Amino acid sequence: MFPTKTELLSQFKNPVYTTHTKFPFLQTFSCLQSWKNRPIIELEKLKIEILGIDFLEYSGVEKIDTQLRFQQDCFRLWYQLDGIGILQNVTRQNFGTARPGLLGIMDLGERHNYLHQKGNLECFQLLFSLLPSQHAKCYWNSEIEGKIVLENHERSYFESLIFDLLLVIDRKKEILGLATISRILEILVVLFKKGVLIIEESQFPKNKAKSLVAKAKQFMDLHYSDMEHQLELEKECGVDINYLNIIFKKETGFTLYQYICLVRMEHAKYLLETTQNSISDISNAVGYPNSNSFTRAFKRHANMTPQDFRQNYLHQNNKLC
């Protein structure tokens, strides 16, 4: 029998919650505000880097009218403990209902929106990256398999893992971070067991093409802001750039140039929606040498200028409110 949420919360130091820094109308666990660790878990063929832990909480009377927007250069585990809302993958243009027990992954670079509809809100998030171990003789391809809803015993077990992890962070009594790492590993094991996240080993030479494509995608996903020439991919992947472009187009349907543009546009849209940064600053942030070249690329992609995109977003957001 797992301890109840009330029993677990009674063990936390007061105040248990504090104002969330990114979403000031929400709360988060106070202990997370000072937790700056970035533990790295190195296994035989896989390295896991934990980039952040977050918790969203709202139990107010007023309705949450604002959409929560997310984008990150890593994976984001999303687990809904309480409340019902709409979770939208803006990049892939699909959406679904987020309800208690929902467990899913947000892929790196993709934009997601959450609109709360009913009840209190409680959501646990874990940000992490998956990389080949330095001892691995192969590349790894991470493939998102969607989301599931945990029920009954599985839900109680997973939520006990979450609160146990938060309690360890709150107490600050761990040695060398091992207590935190062990609990994070237990949470990640659930992802693999339930098929939410699948890691495929790409052996040479059998799957050489897929391995090269996966490595090229990962490089562009992480270096979109400072990648100046496609020849950087030639050096990273160790093959001729023309050959890489051919197999990349065959596997993905996009050329290398088209893919890096898509990655940059997704990040640009997120910045246009969530910041007041100038067009010049955004163009530099997503890898364009100047605002003119960025504006031309954005217009080809979205059939409107960055300024028009921002105005359309503000207009639609005001209608929701």
Protein backbone atom coordinates (compact mmCIF):
# COMPACT_ATOMS: atom_id res chain seq x y z
CA MET A 1 0.00 0.00 0.00
CA PHE A 2 1.46 3.34 -1.06
CA PRO A 3 1.28 6.41 1.23
CA THR A 4 -1.38 8.96 0.30
CA LYS A 5 -0.55 12.35 -1.16
CA THR A 6 -1.68 14.02 2.08
CA GLU A 7 0.64 11.80 4.12
CA LEU A 8 3.57 12.59 1.85
CA LEU A 9 2.93 16.35 1.75
CA SER A 10 2.85 16.47 5.55
CA GLN A 11 6.55 15.53 5.52
CA PHE A 12 7.64 18.52 3.42
CA LYS A 13 9.10 21.67 4.93
CA ASN A 14 6.86 24.75 5.00
CA PRO A 15 6.08 26.52 2.82
CA VAL A 16 5.52 23.50 0.59
CA TYR A 17 4.66 25.63 -2.45
CA THR A 18 5.97 28.90 -3.86
CA THR A 19 5.19 31.04 -6.91
CA HIS A 20 6.34 29.51 -10.18
CA THR A 21 9.02 31.64 -11.86
CA LYS A 22 7.88 31.07 -15.46
CA PHE A 23 4.11 30.95 -14.83
CA PRO A 24 3.48 33.40 -11.93
CA PHE A 25 -0.22 32.46 -11.73
CA LEU A 26 0.84 28.89 -10.81
CA GLN A 27 2.73 27.40 -7.88
CA THR A 28 5.56 24.88 -7.68
CA PHE A 29 7.34 23.00 -4.91
CA SER A 30 9.59 25.37 -2.95
CA CYS A 31 12.43 22.83 -2.91
CA LEU A 32 12.66 22.88 -6.72
CA GLN A 33 13.46 26.61 -6.82
CA SER A 34 16.87 26.00 -5.28
CA TRP A 35 17.59 22.62 -6.93
CA LYS A 36 20.21 23.36 -9.59
CA ASN A 37 21.74 19.88 -9.97
CA ARG A 38 22.18 18.34 -13.41
CA PRO A 39 23.01 14.70 -12.66
CA ILE A 40 24.43 12.52 -15.42
CA ILE A 41 23.70 8.81 -15.37
CA GLU A 42 26.17 6.83 -17.50
CA LEU A 43 25.18 3.28 -18.40
CA GLU A 44 26.98 0.78 -20.64
CA LYS A 45 25.61 2.16 -23.89
CA LEU A 46 23.53 5.13 -22.87
CA LYS A 47 24.10 8.41 -21.05
CA ILE A 48 21.15 10.18 -19.44
CA GLU A 49 21.51 13.84 -18.48
CA ILE A 50 18.86 15.33 -16.19
CA LEU A 51 18.34 18.97 -17.17
CA GLY A 52 15.51 19.97 -14.86
CA ILE A 53 12.57 18.98 -12.66
CA ASP A 54 9.36 21.01 -12.58
CA PHE A 55 5.95 20.83 -10.94
CA LEU A 56 2.90 22.92 -11.87
CA GLU A 57 0.18 23.43 -9.24
CA TYR A 58 -3.02 25.46 -9.20
CA SER A 59 -5.93 25.22 -6.79
CA GLY A 60 -7.43 28.70 -7.11
CA VAL A 61 -11.02 29.68 -7.74
CA GLU A 62 -10.43 31.65 -10.94
CA LYS A 63 -10.28 29.80 -14.24
CA ILE A 64 -6.87 29.56 -15.94
CA ASP A 65 -7.46 31.30 -19.27
CA THR A 66 -3.83 31.48 -20.37
CA GLN A 67 -2.34 28.73 -22.51
CA LEU A 68 0.88 27.25 -21.13
CA ARG A 69 3.52 27.00 -23.85
CA PHE A 70 6.49 24.65 -23.89
CA GLN A 71 9.53 24.04 -26.06
CA GLN A 72 12.94 22.67 -25.11
CA ASP A 73 16.15 21.24 -26.60
CA CYS A 74 15.63 17.92 -24.84
CA PHE A 75 12.84 15.53 -23.86
CA ARG A 76 10.15 16.67 -21.43
CA LEU A 77 8.29 14.01 -19.45
CA TRP A 78 4.73 15.14 -18.73
CA TYR A 79 2.65 13.47 -16.03
CA GLN A 80 -0.81 14.78 -15.11
CA LEU A 81 -1.68 14.17 -11.45
CA ASP A 82 -4.83 16.29 -11.29
CA GLY A 83 -7.11 18.34 -13.52
CA ILE A 84 -8.34 18.06 -17.09
CA GLY A 85 -7.14 20.07 -20.06
CA ILE A 86 -6.23 20.03 -23.74
CA LEU A 87 -2.63 19.20 -24.63
CA GLN A 88 -1.71 20.23 -28.17
CA ASN A 89 1.37 19.39 -30.21
CA VAL A 90 1.50 22.56 -32.31
CA THR A 91 4.38 21.27 -34.44
CA ARG A 92 2.58 18.08 -35.50
CA GLN A 93 -0.85 19.77 -35.42
CA ASN A 94 -2.57 17.21 -33.18
CA PHE A 95 -4.10 17.37 -29.72
CA GLY A 96 -5.70 15.24 -27.02
CA THR A 97 -7.21 15.35 -23.55
CA ALA A 98 -4.85 15.54 -20.59
CA ARG A 99 -6.40 13.86 -17.56
CA PRO A 100 -5.10 12.34 -14.30
CA GLY A 101 -2.72 9.49 -15.03
CA LEU A 102 -1.59 10.83 -18.42
CA LEU A 103 2.08 10.00 -19.03
CA GLY A 104 3.79 11.24 -22.18
CA ILE A 105 6.90 12.75 -23.71
CA MET A 106 7.38 16.07 -25.48
CA ASP A 107 10.05 15.71 -28.15
CA LEU A 108 12.95 18.11 -28.41
CA GLY A 109 12.31 21.25 -30.45
CA GLU A 110 8.57 20.68 -30.83
CA ARG A 111 6.08 23.28 -29.57
CA HIS A 112 3.31 22.23 -27.19
CA ASN A 113 0.39 24.15 -25.66
CA TYR A 114 -1.67 23.22 -22.62
CA LEU A 115 -5.08 24.79 -21.95
CA HIS A 116 -6.57 23.91 -18.57
CA GLN A 117 -10.30 23.22 -18.54
CA LYS A 118 -11.50 21.70 -15.28
CA GLY A 119 -10.50 21.13 -11.66
CA ASN A 120 -7.23 21.83 -9.89
CA LEU A 121 -3.98 21.43 -11.81
CA GLU A 122 -1.06 19.26 -10.77
CA CYS A 123 1.59 18.29 -13.31
CA PHE A 124 5.06 16.78 -12.84
CA GLN A 125 7.74 17.37 -15.49
CA LEU A 126 11.21 15.94 -15.95
CA LEU A 127 13.59 17.36 -18.57
CA PHE A 128 16.30 15.01 -19.80
CA SER A 129 18.52 14.10 -22.75
CA LEU A 130 19.59 10.70 -24.05
CA LEU A 131 23.03 10.34 -25.62
CA PRO A 132 25.28 7.44 -26.65
CA SER A 133 27.72 6.42 -23.92
CA GLN A 134 31.39 7.10 -24.60
CA HIS A 135 31.86 3.32 -24.57
CA ALA A 136 29.10 2.64 -27.10
CA LYS A 137 30.08 1.37 -30.54
CA CYS A 138 26.80 2.39 -32.11
CA TYR A 139 24.46 5.33 -32.42
CA TRP A 140 21.12 5.54 -30.70
CA ASN A 141 17.85 6.67 -32.15
CA SER A 142 15.19 7.89 -29.72
CA GLU A 143 11.68 7.44 -31.07
CA ILE A 144 8.64 8.84 -29.33
CA GLU A 145 5.82 6.33 -29.21
CA GLY A 146 3.07 8.61 -27.91
CA LYS A 147 1.41 8.65 -24.52
CA ILE A 148 -0.55 6.41 -22.16
CA VAL A 149 -2.81 6.78 -19.13
CA LEU A 150 -1.76 4.96 -15.97
CA GLU A 151 -4.60 3.45 -13.95
CA ASN A 152 -5.11 2.06 -10.44
CA HIS A 153 -1.98 0.38 -8.99
CA GLU A 154 0.34 1.66 -11.74
CA ARG A 155 -0.84 5.21 -11.21
CA SER A 156 -0.41 5.01 -7.41
CA TYR A 157 3.07 3.53 -7.83
CA PHE A 158 4.22 6.19 -10.30
CA GLU A 159 2.89 9.05 -8.19
CA SER A 160 4.62 7.61 -5.12
CA LEU A 161 7.90 7.72 -7.11
CA ILE A 162 7.30 11.38 -7.95
CA PHE A 163 6.59 12.51 -4.39
CA ASP A 164 9.41 10.37 -3.01
CA LEU A 165 11.81 12.12 -5.41
CA LEU A 166 10.52 15.55 -4.40
CA LEU A 167 10.79 14.64 -0.72
CA VAL A 168 14.45 13.63 -1.15
CA ILE A 169 15.16 17.00 -2.79
CA ASP A 170 13.23 18.82 -0.06
CA ARG A 171 15.16 17.17 2.79
CA LYS A 172 18.61 17.77 1.24
CA LYS A 173 20.07 14.76 3.02
CA GLU A 174 21.35 12.73 0.10
CA ILE A 175 24.96 11.69 -0.45
CA LEU A 176 26.60 12.53 -3.81
CA GLY A 177 23.17 12.86 -5.37
CA LEU A 178 22.68 9.09 -5.36
CA ALA A 179 19.24 9.21 -3.74
CA THR A 180 17.96 11.57 -6.43
CA ILE A 181 19.54 9.56 -9.25
CA SER A 182 18.09 6.26 -8.05
CA ARG A 183 14.57 7.70 -7.93
CA ILE A 184 14.87 9.38 -11.31
CA LEU A 185 16.00 6.05 -12.78
CA GLU A 186 12.91 4.36 -11.35
CA ILE A 187 10.72 6.98 -13.05
CA LEU A 188 12.51 6.54 -16.39
CA VAL A 189 12.25 2.75 -16.17
CA VAL A 190 8.45 3.13 -16.24
CA LEU A 191 8.75 5.00 -19.56
CA PHE A 192 10.67 2.16 -21.17
CA LYS A 193 8.52 -0.60 -19.66
CA LYS A 194 5.31 1.04 -20.88
CA GLY A 195 6.74 1.73 -24.34
CA VAL A 196 6.33 5.51 -24.02
CA LEU A 197 10.00 5.89 -24.97
CA ILE A 198 11.83 3.38 -27.15
CA ILE A 199 15.57 3.31 -27.71
CA GLU A 200 16.73 1.42 -30.77
CA GLU A 201 20.32 0.33 -31.24
CA SER A 202 21.52 1.00 -34.77
CA GLN A 203 24.32 -1.41 -35.60
CA PHE A 204 26.86 -0.93 -38.39
CA PRO A 205 26.79 -1.76 -41.21
CA LYS A 206 23.23 -3.14 -41.19
CA ASN A 207 21.53 0.16 -40.29
CA LYS A 208 24.27 2.58 -41.24
CA ALA A 209 21.92 4.91 -43.13
CA LYS A 210 19.48 5.22 -40.23
CA SER A 211 22.36 5.75 -37.82
CA LEU A 212 23.78 8.59 -39.90
CA VAL A 213 20.36 10.21 -40.29
CA ALA A 214 19.75 9.99 -36.53
CA LYS A 215 23.13 11.56 -35.82
CA ALA A 216 22.57 14.34 -38.37
CA LYS A 217 19.13 15.12 -36.91
CA GLN A 218 20.50 15.21 -33.38
CA PHE A 219 23.31 17.56 -34.41
CA MET A 220 20.91 19.96 -36.15
CA ASP A 221 18.39 19.80 -33.27
CA LEU A 222 21.11 20.87 -30.83
CA HIS A 223 23.18 23.24 -33.02
CA TYR A 224 20.52 25.04 -35.08
CA SER A 225 21.53 28.38 -33.54
CA ASP A 226 25.25 28.23 -34.36
CA MET A 227 25.49 25.90 -37.37
CA GLU A 228 26.91 28.01 -40.23
CA HIS A 229 27.44 25.44 -42.98
CA GLN A 230 26.31 21.93 -43.90
CA LEU A 231 29.97 20.85 -44.02
CA GLU A 232 29.80 20.77 -40.23
CA LEU A 233 27.50 17.76 -40.67
CA GLU A 234 30.05 16.11 -42.96
CA LYS A 235 32.65 16.38 -40.20
CA GLU A 236 30.20 15.24 -37.49
CA CYS A 237 28.93 12.19 -39.41
CA GLY A 238 32.15 11.28 -41.19
CA VAL A 239 30.65 10.89 -44.67
CA ASP A 240 30.43 12.98 -47.84
CA ILE A 241 27.78 15.70 -47.50
CA ASN A 242 26.14 14.80 -50.82
CA TYR A 243 25.76 11.15 -49.77
CA LEU A 244 24.39 12.26 -46.40
CA ASN A 245 21.88 14.54 -48.10
CA ILE A 246 20.65 11.70 -50.33
CA ILE A 247 20.07 9.21 -47.51
CA PHE A 248 18.60 11.93 -45.27
CA LYS A 249 16.02 12.82 -47.94
CA LYS A 250 15.23 9.13 -48.46
CA GLU A 251 14.68 8.48 -44.74
CA THR A 252 12.91 11.70 -43.72
CA GLY A 253 11.45 13.23 -46.87
CA PHE A 254 13.45 16.43 -46.24
CA THR A 255 16.81 17.66 -47.45
CA LEU A 256 19.32 18.70 -44.80
CA TYR A 257 18.61 22.35 -45.62
CA GLN A 258 14.85 21.86 -45.33
CA TYR A 259 15.20 20.11 -41.98
CA ILE A 260 17.43 22.74 -40.36
CA CYS A 261 15.00 25.40 -41.60
CA LEU A 262 12.07 23.57 -39.98
CA VAL A 263 13.94 23.33 -36.68
CA ARG A 264 14.80 27.03 -36.76
CA MET A 265 11.24 28.03 -37.65
CA GLU A 266 9.76 26.09 -34.72
CA HIS A 267 12.10 27.84 -32.30
CA ALA A 268 11.39 31.20 -33.94
CA LYS A 269 7.63 30.71 -33.59
CA TYR A 270 8.02 29.90 -29.92
CA LEU A 271 10.06 33.06 -29.31
CA LEU A 272 7.57 35.17 -31.27
CA GLU A 273 4.72 33.80 -29.14
CA THR A 274 6.35 33.89 -25.71
CA THR A 275 8.75 36.86 -25.74
CA GLN A 276 8.87 40.49 -26.81
CA ASN A 277 12.32 40.04 -28.33
CA SER A 278 13.01 42.04 -31.47
CA ILE A 279 13.00 40.31 -34.86
CA SER A 280 16.74 40.94 -35.05
CA ASP A 281 17.37 39.22 -31.71
CA ILE A 282 15.18 36.26 -32.68
CA SER A 283 16.94 35.88 -36.03
CA ASN A 284 20.30 35.70 -34.24
CA ALA A 285 18.93 33.27 -31.64
CA VAL A 286 17.81 30.75 -34.26
CA GLY A 287 20.89 30.91 -36.47
CA TYR A 288 20.31 33.58 -39.12
CA PRO A 289 23.00 36.21 -39.81
CA ASN A 290 20.51 39.09 -40.04
CA SER A 291 16.82 39.89 -39.78
CA ASN A 292 16.36 40.22 -43.56
CA SER A 293 17.44 36.64 -44.33
CA PHE A 294 15.37 35.40 -41.39
CA THR A 295 12.27 37.28 -42.56
CA ARG A 296 12.59 35.88 -46.08
CA ALA A 297 12.96 32.32 -44.75
CA PHE A 298 10.06 32.75 -42.33
CA LYS A 299 7.77 34.09 -45.05
CA ARG A 300 8.60 31.11 -47.30
CA HIS A 301 7.78 28.77 -44.42
CA ALA A 302 4.67 30.40 -42.92
CA ASN A 303 3.35 32.54 -45.80
CA MET A 304 3.55 35.60 -43.56
CA THR A 305 6.21 37.79 -41.99
CA PRO A 306 7.40 37.24 -38.40
CA GLN A 307 5.65 40.49 -37.42
CA ASP A 308 2.34 39.27 -38.88
CA PHE A 309 2.73 35.91 -37.13
CA ARG A 310 3.20 37.65 -33.78
CA GLN A 311 0.20 39.93 -34.36
CA ASN A 312 -1.99 36.96 -35.34
CA TYR A 313 -0.96 35.13 -32.18
CA LEU A 314 -1.70 38.15 -29.96
CA HIS A 315 -5.09 38.57 -31.62
CA GLN A 316 -6.02 34.90 -31.13
CA ASN A 317 -4.76 34.91 -27.54
CA ASN A 318 -6.83 38.00 -26.70
CA LYS A 319 -9.93 36.26 -28.08
CA LEU A 320 -9.31 33.29 -25.76
CA CYS A 321 -9.08 35.61 -22.78
